[in-house]
Every structure is written in structure tokens, then in C-alpha cells.
Amino acid sequence: MLDRLKQADLPQELVFGWPRSVLVGDEKVIVEQHQGVYACTEKEIILKTLCGLLVINGQRLSLTRYDQDGLVVLGKIEKLCYRPKG
């Protein structure tokens, strides 16, 4: 199946529903294909994804866009990591 996806030039993350995160400098993170917000404070935002929990740590964090297409986190981004499911 992966060979067919490569031939069709479709991104695997789109087909499988995997999250896509784009870090812009240390002040902005764009996350697509998340499954909702698990927790949100000024120092930590935790998102539910198919890969587990995506944890964004930093200072003065805020959600500036949140819709079905994705979300944007602004602030001083210090760390991104995944916590496994379960």
C-alpha cells in the first residue's frame, strides 16, 4: 500500500491521519490533524493525536486558532514531545 501512496504522491500523514506539526522559530507551532485539546495552561499545552499525546512546553503559551483544520500555538516554545498512548 505504501508503494501505491508514493506513486500517487499523497502524503502519508494525510492518508493515515497522523498529526503534522510545523515549528516556526521558537514562537509558533502549527498542528494539523489533532484530535482535540487534552490540557491547556500558559506553560503546557497537551493535544490528543493518533500517535499519543503531543506535549508543547514553554512560556506564555496561547491557542490563537482552533478549528477543524488545525490549531496554532503562540508563545516562547521550549519543547515538543510525544507521550505514548495509555
PDB file of N, CA and C in Angstrom:
ATOM      1  N   MET A   1       0.814  -1.200   0.000  1.00  0.00           N
ATOM      2  CA  MET A   1       0.000   0.000   0.000  1.00  0.00           C
ATOM      3  C   MET A   1       0.859   1.266   0.000  1.00  0.00           C
ATOM      4  N   LEU A   2       1.975   1.220   0.733  1.00  0.00           N
ATOM      5  CA  LEU A   2       2.854   2.384   0.768  1.00  0.00           C
ATOM      6  C   LEU A   2       3.413   2.710  -0.602  1.00  0.00           C
ATOM      7  N   ASP A   3       3.693   1.681  -1.384  1.00  0.00           N
ATOM      8  CA  ASP A   3       4.194   1.914  -2.748  1.00  0.00           C
ATOM      9  C   ASP A   3       3.156   2.667  -3.579  1.00  0.00           C
ATOM     10  N   ARG A   4       1.886   2.303  -3.418  1.00  0.00           N
ATOM     11  CA  ARG A   4       0.823   2.992  -4.152  1.00  0.00           C
ATOM     12  C   ARG A   4       0.705   4.449  -3.724  1.00  0.00           C
ATOM     13  N   LEU A   5       0.864   4.697  -2.421  1.00  0.00           N
ATOM     14  CA  LEU A   5       0.801   6.077  -1.930  1.00  0.00           C
ATOM     15  C   LEU A   5       1.945   6.909  -2.504  1.00  0.00           C
ATOM     16  N   LYS A   6       3.132   6.312  -2.541  1.00  0.00           N
ATOM     17  CA  LYS A   6       4.281   7.030  -3.093  1.00  0.00           C
ATOM     18  C   LYS A   6       4.069   7.344  -4.564  1.00  0.00           C
ATOM     19  N   GLN A   7       3.498   6.402  -5.289  1.00  0.00           N
ATOM     20  CA  GLN A   7       3.224   6.623  -6.705  1.00  0.00           C
ATOM     21  C   GLN A   7       2.148   7.683  -6.900  1.00  0.00           C
ATOM     22  N   ALA A   8       1.166   7.712  -6.020  1.00  0.00           N
ATOM     23  CA  ALA A   8       0.092   8.702  -6.117  1.00  0.00           C
ATOM     24  C   ALA A   8       0.531  10.063  -5.583  1.00  0.00           C
ATOM     25  N   ASP A   9       1.698  10.121  -4.972  1.00  0.00           N
ATOM     26  CA  ASP A   9       2.256  11.354  -4.424  1.00  0.00           C
ATOM     27  C   ASP A   9       1.351  11.954  -3.340  1.00  0.00           C
ATOM     28  N   LEU A  10       0.734  11.084  -2.534  1.00  0.00           N
ATOM     29  CA  LEU A  10      -0.084  11.528  -1.410  1.00  0.00           C
ATOM     30  C   LEU A  10       0.745  11.480  -0.130  1.00  0.00           C
ATOM     31  N   PRO A  11       0.694  12.516   0.682  1.00  0.00           N
ATOM     32  CA  PRO A  11       1.434  12.485   1.952  1.00  0.00           C
ATOM     33  C   PRO A  11       0.889  11.390   2.868  1.00  0.00           C
ATOM     34  N   GLN A  12       1.770  10.602   3.447  1.00  0.00           N
ATOM     35  CA  GLN A  12       1.352   9.517   4.333  1.00  0.00           C
ATOM     36  C   GLN A  12       0.583  10.032   5.539  1.00  0.00           C
ATOM     37  N   GLU A  13       0.997  11.181   6.093  1.00  0.00           N
ATOM     38  CA  GLU A  13       0.313  11.709   7.275  1.00  0.00           C
ATOM     39  C   GLU A  13      -1.146  12.046   6.974  1.00  0.00           C
ATOM     40  N   LEU A  14      -1.418  12.458   5.758  1.00  0.00           N
ATOM     41  CA  LEU A  14      -2.786  12.764   5.363  1.00  0.00           C
ATOM     42  C   LEU A  14      -3.623  11.496   5.260  1.00  0.00           C
ATOM     43  N   VAL A  15      -3.065  10.480   4.653  1.00  0.00           N
ATOM     44  CA  VAL A  15      -3.794   9.227   4.445  1.00  0.00           C
ATOM     45  C   VAL A  15      -4.050   8.509   5.765  1.00  0.00           C
ATOM     46  N   PHE A  16      -3.050   8.455   6.638  1.00  0.00           N
ATOM     47  CA  PHE A  16      -3.167   7.705   7.878  1.00  0.00           C
ATOM     48  C   PHE A  16      -3.699   8.525   9.051  1.00  0.00           C
ATOM     49  N   GLY A  17      -3.880   9.823   8.879  1.00  0.00           N
ATOM     50  CA  GLY A  17      -4.389  10.658   9.957  1.00  0.00           C
ATOM     51  C   GLY A  17      -3.350  11.045  10.983  1.00  0.00           C
ATOM     52  N   TRP A  18      -2.073  10.895  10.633  1.00  0.00           N
ATOM     53  CA  TRP A  18      -1.011  11.258  11.557  1.00  0.00           C
ATOM     54  C   TRP A  18      -0.961  12.780  11.708  1.00  0.00           C
ATOM     55  N   PRO A  19      -0.600  13.275  12.893  1.00  0.00           N
ATOM     56  CA  PRO A  19      -0.505  14.716  13.079  1.00  0.00           C
ATOM     57  C   PRO A  19       0.692  15.294  12.326  1.00  0.00           C
ATOM     58  N   ARG A  20       0.551  16.531  11.963  1.00  0.00           N
ATOM     59  CA  ARG A  20       1.658  17.256  11.319  1.00  0.00           C
ATOM     60  C   ARG A  20       1.895  18.507  12.135  1.00  0.00           C
ATOM     61  N   SER A  21       3.132  18.698  12.580  1.00  0.00           N
ATOM     62  CA  SER A  21       3.497  19.859  13.397  1.00  0.00           C
ATOM     63  C   SER A  21       4.566  20.655  12.675  1.00  0.00           C
ATOM     64  N   VAL A  22       4.375  21.953  12.600  1.00  0.00           N
ATOM     65  CA  VAL A  22       5.356  22.840  11.990  1.00  0.00           C
ATOM     66  C   VAL A  22       5.784  23.847  13.040  1.00  0.00           C
ATOM     67  N   LEU A  23       7.060  23.836  13.375  1.00  0.00           N
ATOM     68  CA  LEU A  23       7.622  24.775  14.340  1.00  0.00           C
ATOM     69  C   LEU A  23       8.210  25.946  13.571  1.00  0.00           C
ATOM     70  N   VAL A  24       7.746  27.140  13.869  1.00  0.00           N
ATOM     71  CA  VAL A  24       8.221  28.351  13.203  1.00  0.00           C
ATOM     72  C   VAL A  24       9.041  29.125  14.232  1.00  0.00           C
ATOM     73  N   GLY A  25      10.359  29.045  14.077  1.00  0.00           N
ATOM     74  CA  GLY A  25      11.228  29.662  15.065  1.00  0.00           C
ATOM     75  C   GLY A  25      10.979  29.026  16.425  1.00  0.00           C
ATOM     76  N   ASP A  26      10.988  29.851  17.479  1.00  0.00           N
ATOM     77  CA  ASP A  26      10.661  29.334  18.810  1.00  0.00           C
ATOM     78  C   ASP A  26       9.427  30.034  19.373  1.00  0.00           C
ATOM     79  N   GLU A  27       8.607  30.608  18.458  1.00  0.00           N
ATOM     80  CA  GLU A  27       7.446  31.369  18.917  1.00  0.00           C
ATOM     81  C   GLU A  27       6.110  30.891  18.362  1.00  0.00           C
ATOM     82  N   LYS A  28       6.099  29.853  17.503  1.00  0.00           N
ATOM     83  CA  LYS A  28       4.844  29.436  16.884  1.00  0.00           C
ATOM     84  C   LYS A  28       4.906  27.962  16.504  1.00  0.00           C
ATOM     85  N   VAL A  29       3.820  27.234  16.794  1.00  0.00           N
ATOM     86  CA  VAL A  29       3.669  25.849  16.369  1.00  0.00           C
ATOM     87  C   VAL A  29       2.314  25.728  15.680  1.00  0.00           C
ATOM     88  N   ILE A  30       2.315  25.154  14.496  1.00  0.00           N
ATOM     89  CA  ILE A  30       1.082  24.877  13.760  1.00  0.00           C
ATOM     90  C   ILE A  30       0.886  23.366  13.789  1.00  0.00           C
ATOM     91  N   VAL A  31      -0.273  22.913  14.253  1.00  0.00           N
ATOM     92  CA  VAL A  31      -0.554  21.478  14.359  1.00  0.00           C
ATOM     93  C   VAL A  31      -1.804  21.160  13.556  1.00  0.00           C
ATOM     94  N   GLU A  32      -1.668  20.220  12.640  1.00  0.00           N
ATOM     95  CA  GLU A  32      -2.798  19.756  11.839  1.00  0.00           C
ATOM     96  C   GLU A  32      -3.119  18.322  12.226  1.00  0.00           C
ATOM     97  N   GLN A  33      -4.356  17.919  12.034  1.00  0.00           N
ATOM     98  CA  GLN A  33      -4.834  16.559  12.271  1.00  0.00           C
ATOM     99  C   GLN A  33      -4.687  16.122  13.722  1.00  0.00           C
ATOM    100  N   HIS A  34      -4.961  17.007  14.655  1.00  0.00           N
ATOM    101  CA  HIS A  34      -5.013  16.636  16.069  1.00  0.00           C
ATOM    102  C   HIS A  34      -6.425  16.135  16.366  1.00  0.00           C
ATOM    103  N   GLN A  35      -6.612  15.586  17.542  1.00  0.00           N
ATOM    104  CA  GLN A  35      -7.922  15.071  17.928  1.00  0.00           C
ATOM    105  C   GLN A  35      -8.509  15.813  19.120  1.00  0.00           C
ATOM    106  N   GLY A  36      -7.999  17.005  19.380  1.00  0.00           N
ATOM    107  CA  GLY A  36      -8.546  17.821  20.457  1.00  0.00           C
ATOM    108  C   GLY A  36      -7.498  18.194  21.484  1.00  0.00           C
ATOM    109  N   VAL A  37      -7.887  19.097  22.362  1.00  0.00           N
ATOM    110  CA  VAL A  37      -7.001  19.586  23.418  1.00  0.00           C
ATOM    111  C   VAL A  37      -7.255  18.774  24.686  1.00  0.00           C
ATOM    112  N   TYR A  38      -6.193  18.220  25.250  1.00  0.00           N
ATOM    113  CA  TYR A  38      -6.282  17.430  26.482  1.00  0.00           C
ATOM    114  C   TYR A  38      -6.122  18.332  27.703  1.00  0.00           C
ATOM    115  N   ALA A  39      -5.185  19.301  27.621  1.00  0.00           N
ATOM    116  CA  ALA A  39      -4.939  20.238  28.719  1.00  0.00           C
ATOM    117  C   ALA A  39      -4.312  21.500  28.140  1.00  0.00           C
ATOM    118  N   CYS A  40      -4.551  22.620  28.822  1.00  0.00           N
ATOM    119  CA  CYS A  40      -4.024  23.891  28.307  1.00  0.00           C
ATOM    120  C   CYS A  40      -3.746  24.854  29.452  1.00  0.00           C
ATOM    121  N   THR A  41      -2.470  25.207  29.628  1.00  0.00           N
ATOM    122  CA  THR A  41      -2.066  26.246  30.571  1.00  0.00           C
ATOM    123  C   THR A  41      -1.082  27.168  29.846  1.00  0.00           C
ATOM    124  N   GLU A  42      -0.615  28.193  30.534  1.00  0.00           N
ATOM    125  CA  GLU A  42       0.360  29.099  29.919  1.00  0.00           C
ATOM    126  C   GLU A  42       1.732  28.452  29.758  1.00  0.00           C
ATOM    127  N   LYS A  43       1.971  27.338  30.453  1.00  0.00           N
ATOM    128  CA  LYS A  43       3.278  26.673  30.381  1.00  0.00           C
ATOM    129  C   LYS A  43       3.248  25.343  29.639  1.00  0.00           C
ATOM    130  N   GLU A  44       2.049  24.774  29.425  1.00  0.00           N
ATOM    131  CA  GLU A  44       1.980  23.473  28.772  1.00  0.00           C
ATOM    132  C   GLU A  44       0.634  23.311  28.061  1.00  0.00           C
ATOM    133  N   ILE A  45       0.703  22.885  26.813  1.00  0.00           N
ATOM    134  CA  ILE A  45      -0.493  22.548  26.048  1.00  0.00           C
ATOM    135  C   ILE A  45      -0.322  21.109  25.587  1.00  0.00           C
ATOM    136  N   ILE A  46      -1.333  20.274  25.881  1.00  0.00           N
ATOM    137  CA  ILE A  46      -1.279  18.863  25.531  1.00  0.00           C
ATOM    138  C   ILE A  46      -2.411  18.572  24.551  1.00  0.00           C
ATOM    139  N   LEU A  47      -2.050  17.987  23.417  1.00  0.00           N
ATOM    140  CA  LEU A  47      -3.009  17.680  22.364  1.00  0.00           C
ATOM    141  C   LEU A  47      -3.138  16.180  22.190  1.00  0.00           C
ATOM    142  N   LYS A  48      -4.345  15.706  21.927  1.00  0.00           N
ATOM    143  CA  LYS A  48      -4.576  14.301  21.620  1.00  0.00           C
ATOM    144  C   LYS A  48      -4.320  14.083  20.131  1.00  0.00           C
ATOM    145  N   THR A  49      -3.586  13.021  19.795  1.00  0.00           N
ATOM    146  CA  THR A  49      -3.314  12.662  18.399  1.00  0.00           C
ATOM    147  C   THR A  49      -3.352  11.143  18.259  1.00  0.00           C
ATOM    148  N   LEU A  50      -3.349  10.666  17.033  1.00  0.00           N
ATOM    149  CA  LEU A  50      -3.285   9.225  16.792  1.00  0.00           C
ATOM    150  C   LEU A  50      -1.970   8.617  17.273  1.00  0.00           C
ATOM    151  N   CYS A  51      -0.930   9.431  17.407  1.00  0.00           N
ATOM    152  CA  CYS A  51       0.387   8.949  17.824  1.00  0.00           C
ATOM    153  C   CYS A  51       0.590   9.004  19.335  1.00  0.00           C
ATOM    154  N   GLY A  52      -0.387   9.481  20.061  1.00  0.00           N
ATOM    155  CA  GLY A  52      -0.266   9.685  21.500  1.00  0.00           C
ATOM    156  C   GLY A  52      -0.544  11.140  21.825  1.00  0.00           C
ATOM    157  N   LEU A  53      -0.069  11.591  22.972  1.00  0.00           N
ATOM    158  CA  LEU A  53      -0.256  12.979  23.376  1.00  0.00           C
ATOM    159  C   LEU A  53       0.923  13.820  22.915  1.00  0.00           C
ATOM    160  N   LEU A  54       0.645  14.906  22.206  1.00  0.00           N
ATOM    161  CA  LEU A  54       1.683  15.853  21.803  1.00  0.00           C
ATOM    162  C   LEU A  54       1.751  16.922  22.879  1.00  0.00           C
ATOM    163  N   VAL A  55       2.907  17.039  23.535  1.00  0.00           N
ATOM    164  CA  VAL A  55       3.086  17.981  24.633  1.00  0.00           C
ATOM    165  C   VAL A  55       3.945  19.146  24.149  1.00  0.00           C
ATOM    166  N   ILE A  56       3.415  20.354  24.316  1.00  0.00           N
ATOM    167  CA  ILE A  56       4.135  21.576  23.951  1.00  0.00           C
ATOM    168  C   ILE A  56       4.408  22.324  25.239  1.00  0.00           C
ATOM    169  N   ASN A  57       5.696  22.508  25.563  1.00  0.00           N
ATOM    170  CA  ASN A  57       6.084  23.234  26.773  1.00  0.00           C
ATOM    171  C   ASN A  57       6.686  24.573  26.399  1.00  0.00           C
ATOM    172  N   GLY A  58       6.483  25.563  27.264  1.00  0.00           N
ATOM    173  CA  GLY A  58       7.061  26.872  27.022  1.00  0.00           C
ATOM    174  C   GLY A  58       6.556  27.901  28.007  1.00  0.00           C
ATOM    175  N   GLN A  59       6.608  29.148  27.611  1.00  0.00           N
ATOM    176  CA  GLN A  59       6.180  30.272  28.449  1.00  0.00           C
ATOM    177  C   GLN A  59       5.159  31.114  27.684  1.00  0.00           C
ATOM    178  N   ARG A  60       4.171  31.617  28.373  1.00  0.00           N
ATOM    179  CA  ARG A  60       3.128  32.490  27.789  1.00  0.00           C
ATOM    180  C   ARG A  60       2.449  31.827  26.579  1.00  0.00           C
ATOM    181  N   LEU A  61       2.183  30.532  26.666  1.00  0.00           N
ATOM    182  CA  LEU A  61       1.562  29.806  25.557  1.00  0.00           C
ATOM    183  C   LEU A  61       0.080  30.157  25.449  1.00  0.00           C
ATOM    184  N   SER A  62      -0.389  30.259  24.216  1.00  0.00           N
ATOM    185  CA  SER A  62      -1.817  30.507  23.988  1.00  0.00           C
ATOM    186  C   SER A  62      -2.231  29.905  22.654  1.00  0.00           C
ATOM    187  N   LEU A  63      -3.487  29.463  22.604  1.00  0.00           N
ATOM    188  CA  LEU A  63      -4.073  28.977  21.352  1.00  0.00           C
ATOM    189  C   LEU A  63      -4.644  30.182  20.625  1.00  0.00           C
ATOM    190  N   THR A  64      -4.150  30.450  19.426  1.00  0.00           N
ATOM    191  CA  THR A  64      -4.647  31.618  18.700  1.00  0.00           C
ATOM    192  C   THR A  64      -5.580  31.242  17.571  1.00  0.00           C
ATOM    193  N   ARG A  65      -5.547  29.992  17.169  1.00  0.00           N
ATOM    194  CA  ARG A  65      -6.509  29.495  16.182  1.00  0.00           C
ATOM    195  C   ARG A  65      -6.821  28.057  16.542  1.00  0.00           C
ATOM    196  N   TYR A  66      -8.090  27.719  16.528  1.00  0.00           N
ATOM    197  CA  TYR A  66      -8.505  26.355  16.846  1.00  0.00           C
ATOM    198  C   TYR A  66      -9.730  26.051  16.016  1.00  0.00           C
ATOM    199  N   ASP A  67      -9.559  25.199  15.006  1.00  0.00           N
ATOM    200  CA  ASP A  67     -10.694  24.820  14.170  1.00  0.00           C
ATOM    201  C   ASP A  67     -10.466  23.407  13.648  1.00  0.00           C
ATOM    202  N   GLN A  68     -11.345  22.951  12.776  1.00  0.00           N
ATOM    203  CA  GLN A  68     -11.261  21.577  12.279  1.00  0.00           C
ATOM    204  C   GLN A  68     -10.013  21.319  11.449  1.00  0.00           C
ATOM    205  N   ASP A  69      -9.393  22.356  10.906  1.00  0.00           N
ATOM    206  CA  ASP A  69      -8.198  22.183  10.090  1.00  0.00           C
ATOM    207  C   ASP A  69      -6.927  22.088  10.921  1.00  0.00           C
ATOM    208  N   GLY A  70      -6.941  22.617  12.129  1.00  0.00           N
ATOM    209  CA  GLY A  70      -5.753  22.579  12.956  1.00  0.00           C
ATOM    210  C   GLY A  70      -5.789  23.658  14.013  1.00  0.00           C
ATOM    211  N   LEU A  71      -4.625  23.885  14.597  1.00  0.00           N
ATOM    212  CA  LEU A  71      -4.528  24.939  15.606  1.00  0.00           C
ATOM    213  C   LEU A  71      -3.159  25.574  15.544  1.00  0.00           C
ATOM    214  N   VAL A  72      -3.074  26.757  16.158  1.00  0.00           N
ATOM    215  CA  VAL A  72      -1.820  27.494  16.228  1.00  0.00           C
ATOM    216  C   VAL A  72      -1.558  27.834  17.686  1.00  0.00           C
ATOM    217  N   VAL A  73      -0.349  27.540  18.139  1.00  0.00           N
ATOM    218  CA  VAL A  73       0.087  27.884  19.485  1.00  0.00           C
ATOM    219  C   VAL A  73       1.151  28.964  19.366  1.00  0.00           C
ATOM    220  N   LEU A  74       0.958  30.048  20.099  1.00  0.00           N
ATOM    221  CA  LEU A  74       1.947  31.122  20.146  1.00  0.00           C
ATOM    222  C   LEU A  74       2.525  31.211  21.545  1.00  0.00           C
ATOM    223  N   GLY A  75       3.735  31.721  21.651  1.00  0.00           N
ATOM    224  CA  GLY A  75       4.421  31.898  22.925  1.00  0.00           C
ATOM    225  C   GLY A  75       5.888  31.561  22.742  1.00  0.00           C
ATOM    226  N   LYS A  76       6.587  31.417  23.834  1.00  0.00           N
ATOM    227  CA  LYS A  76       8.000  31.017  23.803  1.00  0.00           C
ATOM    228  C   LYS A  76       8.048  29.494  23.873  1.00  0.00           C
ATOM    229  N   ILE A  77       8.223  28.839  22.726  1.00  0.00           N
ATOM    230  CA  ILE A  77       8.210  27.381  22.641  1.00  0.00           C
ATOM    231  C   ILE A  77       9.570  26.845  23.096  1.00  0.00           C
ATOM    232  N   GLU A  78       9.555  25.967  24.091  1.00  0.00           N
ATOM    233  CA  GLU A  78      10.802  25.413  24.616  1.00  0.00           C
ATOM    234  C   GLU A  78      10.977  23.937  24.287  1.00  0.00           C
ATOM    235  N   LYS A  79       9.860  23.198  24.147  1.00  0.00           N
ATOM    236  CA  LYS A  79       9.993  21.755  23.947  1.00  0.00           C
ATOM    237  C   LYS A  79       8.716  21.179  23.334  1.00  0.00           C
ATOM    238  N   LEU A  80       8.888  20.254  22.388  1.00  0.00           N
ATOM    239  CA  LEU A  80       7.803  19.461  21.826  1.00  0.00           C
ATOM    240  C   LEU A  80       8.173  18.000  22.043  1.00  0.00           C
ATOM    241  N   CYS A  81       7.216  17.184  22.521  1.00  0.00           N
ATOM    242  CA  CYS A  81       7.481  15.758  22.681  1.00  0.00           C
ATOM    243  C   CYS A  81       6.168  14.982  22.660  1.00  0.00           C
ATOM    244  N   TYR A  82       6.283  13.694  22.453  1.00  0.00           N
ATOM    245  CA  TYR A  82       5.122  12.801  22.462  1.00  0.00           C
ATOM    246  C   TYR A  82       5.151  11.940  23.709  1.00  0.00           C
ATOM    247  N   ARG A  83       3.988  11.760  24.292  1.00  0.00           N
ATOM    248  CA  ARG A  83       3.796  10.760  25.352  1.00  0.00           C
ATOM    249  C   ARG A  83       2.991   9.638  24.706  1.00  0.00           C
ATOM    250  N   PRO A  84       3.422   8.398  24.901  1.00  0.00           N
ATOM    251  CA  PRO A  84       2.690   7.297  24.277  1.00  0.00           C
ATOM    252  C   PRO A  84       1.271   7.187  24.814  1.00  0.00           C
ATOM    253  N   LYS A  85       0.412   6.565  23.997  1.00  0.00           N
ATOM    254  CA  LYS A  85      -0.961   6.327  24.433  1.00  0.00           C
ATOM    255  C   LYS A  85      -0.968   5.371  25.614  1.00  0.00           C
ATOM    256  N   GLY A  86      -2.046   5.504  26.413  1.00  0.00           N
ATOM    257  CA  GLY A  86      -2.233   4.545  27.506  1.00  0.00           C
ATOM    258  C   GLY A  86      -1.677   4.955  28.747  1.00  0.00           C
TER     259      GLY A  86
END
